[in-house]
Amino acid sequence: MTDTPQTAYQVLALKYRPETFADLVGQEAMVRILKNAFEAGRIAQAFIMTGIRGTGKTTTARIIAKGMNCIGPDGNGGPTT
């Protein structure tokens, strides 16, 4: 058997998953509501996201968590999105 180099395999859905609210496509109303909540500092304790698979529920939840856990460049900043 010949040794072939292993290529890094990455699922396309993970490779191109949106990282910020600006990257989300087709969810303008939800993005606007969430951005306003972050800017006002009034993030809800829970969000109920419903819909068929592939609509961005998990991706949106990851972006919300990322924004809530982010520390600004000055070391003591608040949520960023």
N, C-alpha and C. Protein backbone atom coordinates (compact mmCIF):
# COMPACT_ATOMS: atom_id res chain seq x y z
N MET A 1 0.84 -1.17 0.00
CA MET A 1 0.00 0.00 0.00
C MET A 1 0.88 1.24 0.00
N THR A 2 0.45 2.21 -0.71
CA THR A 2 1.20 3.46 -0.74
C THR A 2 0.67 4.40 0.33
N ASP A 3 1.57 5.17 0.87
CA ASP A 3 1.17 6.15 1.87
C ASP A 3 0.75 7.43 1.18
N THR A 4 -0.51 7.75 1.29
CA THR A 4 -1.00 9.01 0.73
C THR A 4 -1.20 9.99 1.87
N PRO A 5 -0.88 11.25 1.65
CA PRO A 5 -1.03 12.22 2.73
C PRO A 5 -2.51 12.42 3.08
N GLN A 6 -2.78 12.50 4.36
CA GLN A 6 -4.14 12.72 4.83
C GLN A 6 -4.50 14.19 4.61
N THR A 7 -5.61 14.42 3.97
CA THR A 7 -6.08 15.79 3.80
C THR A 7 -7.04 16.10 4.94
N ALA A 8 -7.00 17.33 5.36
CA ALA A 8 -7.89 17.74 6.45
C ALA A 8 -9.32 17.82 5.92
N TYR A 9 -10.14 16.93 6.40
CA TYR A 9 -11.54 16.90 5.98
C TYR A 9 -12.35 17.73 6.95
N GLN A 10 -13.15 18.62 6.41
CA GLN A 10 -14.02 19.45 7.24
C GLN A 10 -15.38 19.54 6.58
N VAL A 11 -16.41 19.33 7.35
CA VAL A 11 -17.78 19.39 6.85
C VAL A 11 -18.05 20.81 6.38
N LEU A 12 -18.63 20.95 5.19
CA LEU A 12 -18.90 22.28 4.64
C LEU A 12 -19.80 23.11 5.53
N ALA A 13 -20.77 22.47 6.17
CA ALA A 13 -21.68 23.21 7.05
C ALA A 13 -20.93 23.85 8.21
N LEU A 14 -19.88 23.21 8.68
CA LEU A 14 -19.08 23.78 9.77
C LEU A 14 -18.06 24.78 9.25
N LYS A 15 -17.53 24.50 8.09
CA LYS A 15 -16.51 25.38 7.52
C LYS A 15 -17.08 26.76 7.21
N TYR A 16 -18.28 26.81 6.70
CA TYR A 16 -18.88 28.07 6.27
C TYR A 16 -19.98 28.56 7.22
N ARG A 17 -20.00 28.07 8.45
CA ARG A 17 -21.01 28.49 9.42
C ARG A 17 -20.81 29.97 9.76
N PRO A 18 -21.86 30.76 9.76
CA PRO A 18 -21.72 32.19 10.10
C PRO A 18 -21.16 32.37 11.51
N GLU A 19 -20.32 33.39 11.68
CA GLU A 19 -19.69 33.66 12.97
C GLU A 19 -20.26 34.90 13.66
N THR A 20 -20.91 35.78 12.92
CA THR A 20 -21.48 37.00 13.50
C THR A 20 -22.90 37.18 12.98
N PHE A 21 -23.63 38.11 13.60
CA PHE A 21 -24.98 38.40 13.13
C PHE A 21 -24.96 38.92 11.70
N ALA A 22 -23.92 39.63 11.32
CA ALA A 22 -23.82 40.18 9.97
C ALA A 22 -23.72 39.07 8.93
N ASP A 23 -23.22 37.90 9.33
CA ASP A 23 -23.06 36.78 8.40
C ASP A 23 -24.36 36.00 8.18
N LEU A 24 -25.34 36.15 9.07
CA LEU A 24 -26.59 35.41 8.93
C LEU A 24 -27.38 35.93 7.73
N VAL A 25 -27.89 35.02 6.93
CA VAL A 25 -28.64 35.39 5.73
C VAL A 25 -30.09 34.96 5.90
N GLY A 26 -31.01 35.84 5.56
CA GLY A 26 -32.43 35.50 5.59
C GLY A 26 -33.08 35.61 6.95
N GLN A 27 -32.40 36.17 7.92
CA GLN A 27 -32.95 36.29 9.27
C GLN A 27 -32.88 37.74 9.75
N GLU A 28 -33.16 38.68 8.86
CA GLU A 28 -32.95 40.10 9.15
C GLU A 28 -33.75 40.58 10.37
N ALA A 29 -35.01 40.18 10.48
CA ALA A 29 -35.84 40.63 11.60
C ALA A 29 -35.29 40.13 12.93
N MET A 30 -34.93 38.86 12.98
CA MET A 30 -34.38 38.29 14.21
C MET A 30 -33.04 38.93 14.56
N VAL A 31 -32.20 39.15 13.57
CA VAL A 31 -30.89 39.77 13.80
C VAL A 31 -31.07 41.18 14.35
N ARG A 32 -32.01 41.93 13.79
CA ARG A 32 -32.25 43.30 14.26
C ARG A 32 -32.70 43.30 15.72
N ILE A 33 -33.61 42.40 16.07
CA ILE A 33 -34.09 42.30 17.45
C ILE A 33 -32.95 41.94 18.40
N LEU A 34 -32.15 40.96 18.03
CA LEU A 34 -31.05 40.54 18.90
C LEU A 34 -29.97 41.61 19.02
N LYS A 35 -29.66 42.29 17.92
CA LYS A 35 -28.66 43.37 17.98
C LYS A 35 -29.14 44.49 18.89
N ASN A 36 -30.41 44.85 18.79
CA ASN A 36 -30.97 45.89 19.65
C ASN A 36 -30.91 45.47 21.12
N ALA A 37 -31.18 44.20 21.40
CA ALA A 37 -31.11 43.71 22.77
C ALA A 37 -29.68 43.80 23.31
N PHE A 38 -28.70 43.45 22.49
CA PHE A 38 -27.30 43.54 22.91
C PHE A 38 -26.90 44.99 23.15
N GLU A 39 -27.31 45.87 22.26
CA GLU A 39 -26.94 47.28 22.40
C GLU A 39 -27.58 47.91 23.63
N ALA A 40 -28.80 47.49 23.96
CA ALA A 40 -29.49 48.03 25.13
C ALA A 40 -29.06 47.34 26.42
N GLY A 41 -28.33 46.24 26.30
CA GLY A 41 -27.90 45.50 27.48
C GLY A 41 -29.03 44.74 28.15
N ARG A 42 -30.04 44.40 27.38
CA ARG A 42 -31.21 43.70 27.91
C ARG A 42 -31.38 42.36 27.20
N ILE A 43 -30.48 41.44 27.51
CA ILE A 43 -30.53 40.12 26.91
C ILE A 43 -31.48 39.25 27.73
N ALA A 44 -32.38 38.57 27.06
CA ALA A 44 -33.35 37.71 27.75
C ALA A 44 -32.63 36.51 28.38
N GLN A 45 -33.26 35.93 29.41
CA GLN A 45 -32.69 34.76 30.06
C GLN A 45 -32.78 33.53 29.17
N ALA A 46 -33.75 33.50 28.28
CA ALA A 46 -33.94 32.35 27.41
C ALA A 46 -34.56 32.79 26.10
N PHE A 47 -34.27 32.04 25.06
CA PHE A 47 -34.86 32.26 23.75
C PHE A 47 -35.46 30.95 23.28
N ILE A 48 -36.63 31.00 22.68
CA ILE A 48 -37.23 29.81 22.08
C ILE A 48 -37.10 29.97 20.57
N MET A 49 -36.33 29.09 19.97
CA MET A 49 -36.14 29.12 18.52
C MET A 49 -36.77 27.87 17.94
N THR A 50 -37.67 28.07 17.01
CA THR A 50 -38.35 26.94 16.39
C THR A 50 -38.19 27.02 14.88
N GLY A 51 -38.40 25.93 14.24
CA GLY A 51 -38.33 25.88 12.79
C GLY A 51 -37.79 24.54 12.33
N ILE A 52 -37.89 24.32 11.04
CA ILE A 52 -37.38 23.08 10.48
C ILE A 52 -35.86 23.11 10.47
N ARG A 53 -35.26 21.97 10.25
CA ARG A 53 -33.80 21.91 10.27
C ARG A 53 -33.23 22.73 9.12
N GLY A 54 -32.08 23.31 9.40
CA GLY A 54 -31.41 24.10 8.38
C GLY A 54 -31.79 25.56 8.35
N THR A 55 -32.54 26.03 9.35
CA THR A 55 -32.96 27.43 9.34
C THR A 55 -32.05 28.32 10.17
N GLY A 56 -31.06 27.75 10.86
CA GLY A 56 -30.09 28.56 11.57
C GLY A 56 -30.30 28.69 13.07
N LYS A 57 -31.07 27.78 13.66
CA LYS A 57 -31.33 27.87 15.10
C LYS A 57 -30.05 27.67 15.91
N THR A 58 -29.31 26.63 15.63
CA THR A 58 -28.08 26.35 16.37
C THR A 58 -27.03 27.40 16.10
N THR A 59 -26.91 27.82 14.86
CA THR A 59 -25.94 28.86 14.51
C THR A 59 -26.25 30.15 15.25
N THR A 60 -27.52 30.53 15.30
CA THR A 60 -27.91 31.74 16.01
C THR A 60 -27.62 31.61 17.50
N ALA A 61 -27.91 30.45 18.07
CA ALA A 61 -27.63 30.23 19.49
C ALA A 61 -26.13 30.34 19.77
N ARG A 62 -25.31 29.83 18.87
CA ARG A 62 -23.85 29.93 19.05
C ARG A 62 -23.39 31.38 18.98
N ILE A 63 -23.97 32.16 18.08
CA ILE A 63 -23.58 33.57 17.95
C ILE A 63 -24.02 34.34 19.20
N ILE A 64 -25.21 34.04 19.72
CA ILE A 64 -25.67 34.70 20.95
C ILE A 64 -24.72 34.37 22.10
N ALA A 65 -24.38 33.09 22.26
CA ALA A 65 -23.48 32.69 23.34
C ALA A 65 -22.11 33.33 23.18
N LYS A 66 -21.63 33.37 21.96
CA LYS A 66 -20.33 34.00 21.69
C LYS A 66 -20.37 35.48 22.06
N GLY A 67 -21.45 36.15 21.70
CA GLY A 67 -21.57 37.57 22.02
C GLY A 67 -21.68 37.83 23.51
N MET A 68 -22.36 36.96 24.23
CA MET A 68 -22.53 37.16 25.67
C MET A 68 -21.26 36.85 26.44
N ASN A 69 -20.44 35.94 25.94
CA ASN A 69 -19.22 35.53 26.64
C ASN A 69 -17.99 36.30 26.19
N CYS A 70 -18.14 37.18 25.24
CA CYS A 70 -16.99 37.88 24.68
C CYS A 70 -16.54 39.02 25.59
N ILE A 71 -15.23 39.18 25.67
CA ILE A 71 -14.65 40.31 26.41
C ILE A 71 -14.03 41.23 25.38
N GLY A 72 -14.31 42.50 25.48
CA GLY A 72 -13.82 43.48 24.52
C GLY A 72 -12.31 43.61 24.52
N PRO A 73 -11.75 44.34 23.55
CA PRO A 73 -10.31 44.49 23.43
C PRO A 73 -9.68 45.21 24.63
N ASP A 74 -10.47 45.99 25.35
CA ASP A 74 -9.92 46.68 26.52
C ASP A 74 -9.89 45.79 27.77
N GLY A 75 -10.38 44.56 27.65
CA GLY A 75 -10.32 43.62 28.76
C GLY A 75 -11.54 43.62 29.65
N ASN A 76 -12.36 44.64 29.59
CA ASN A 76 -13.54 44.67 30.44
C ASN A 76 -14.78 45.09 29.68
N GLY A 77 -14.77 44.89 28.38
CA GLY A 77 -15.93 45.25 27.56
C GLY A 77 -17.06 44.28 27.75
N GLY A 78 -18.21 44.65 27.22
CA GLY A 78 -19.39 43.82 27.34
C GLY A 78 -19.59 42.95 26.13
N PRO A 79 -20.82 42.52 25.92
CA PRO A 79 -21.13 41.63 24.80
C PRO A 79 -20.82 42.29 23.46
N THR A 80 -20.29 41.50 22.56
CA THR A 80 -20.03 41.97 21.20
C THR A 80 -20.67 41.01 20.23
N THR A 81 -21.04 41.52 19.07
CA THR A 81 -21.67 40.66 18.07
C THR A 81 -21.09 40.93 16.72
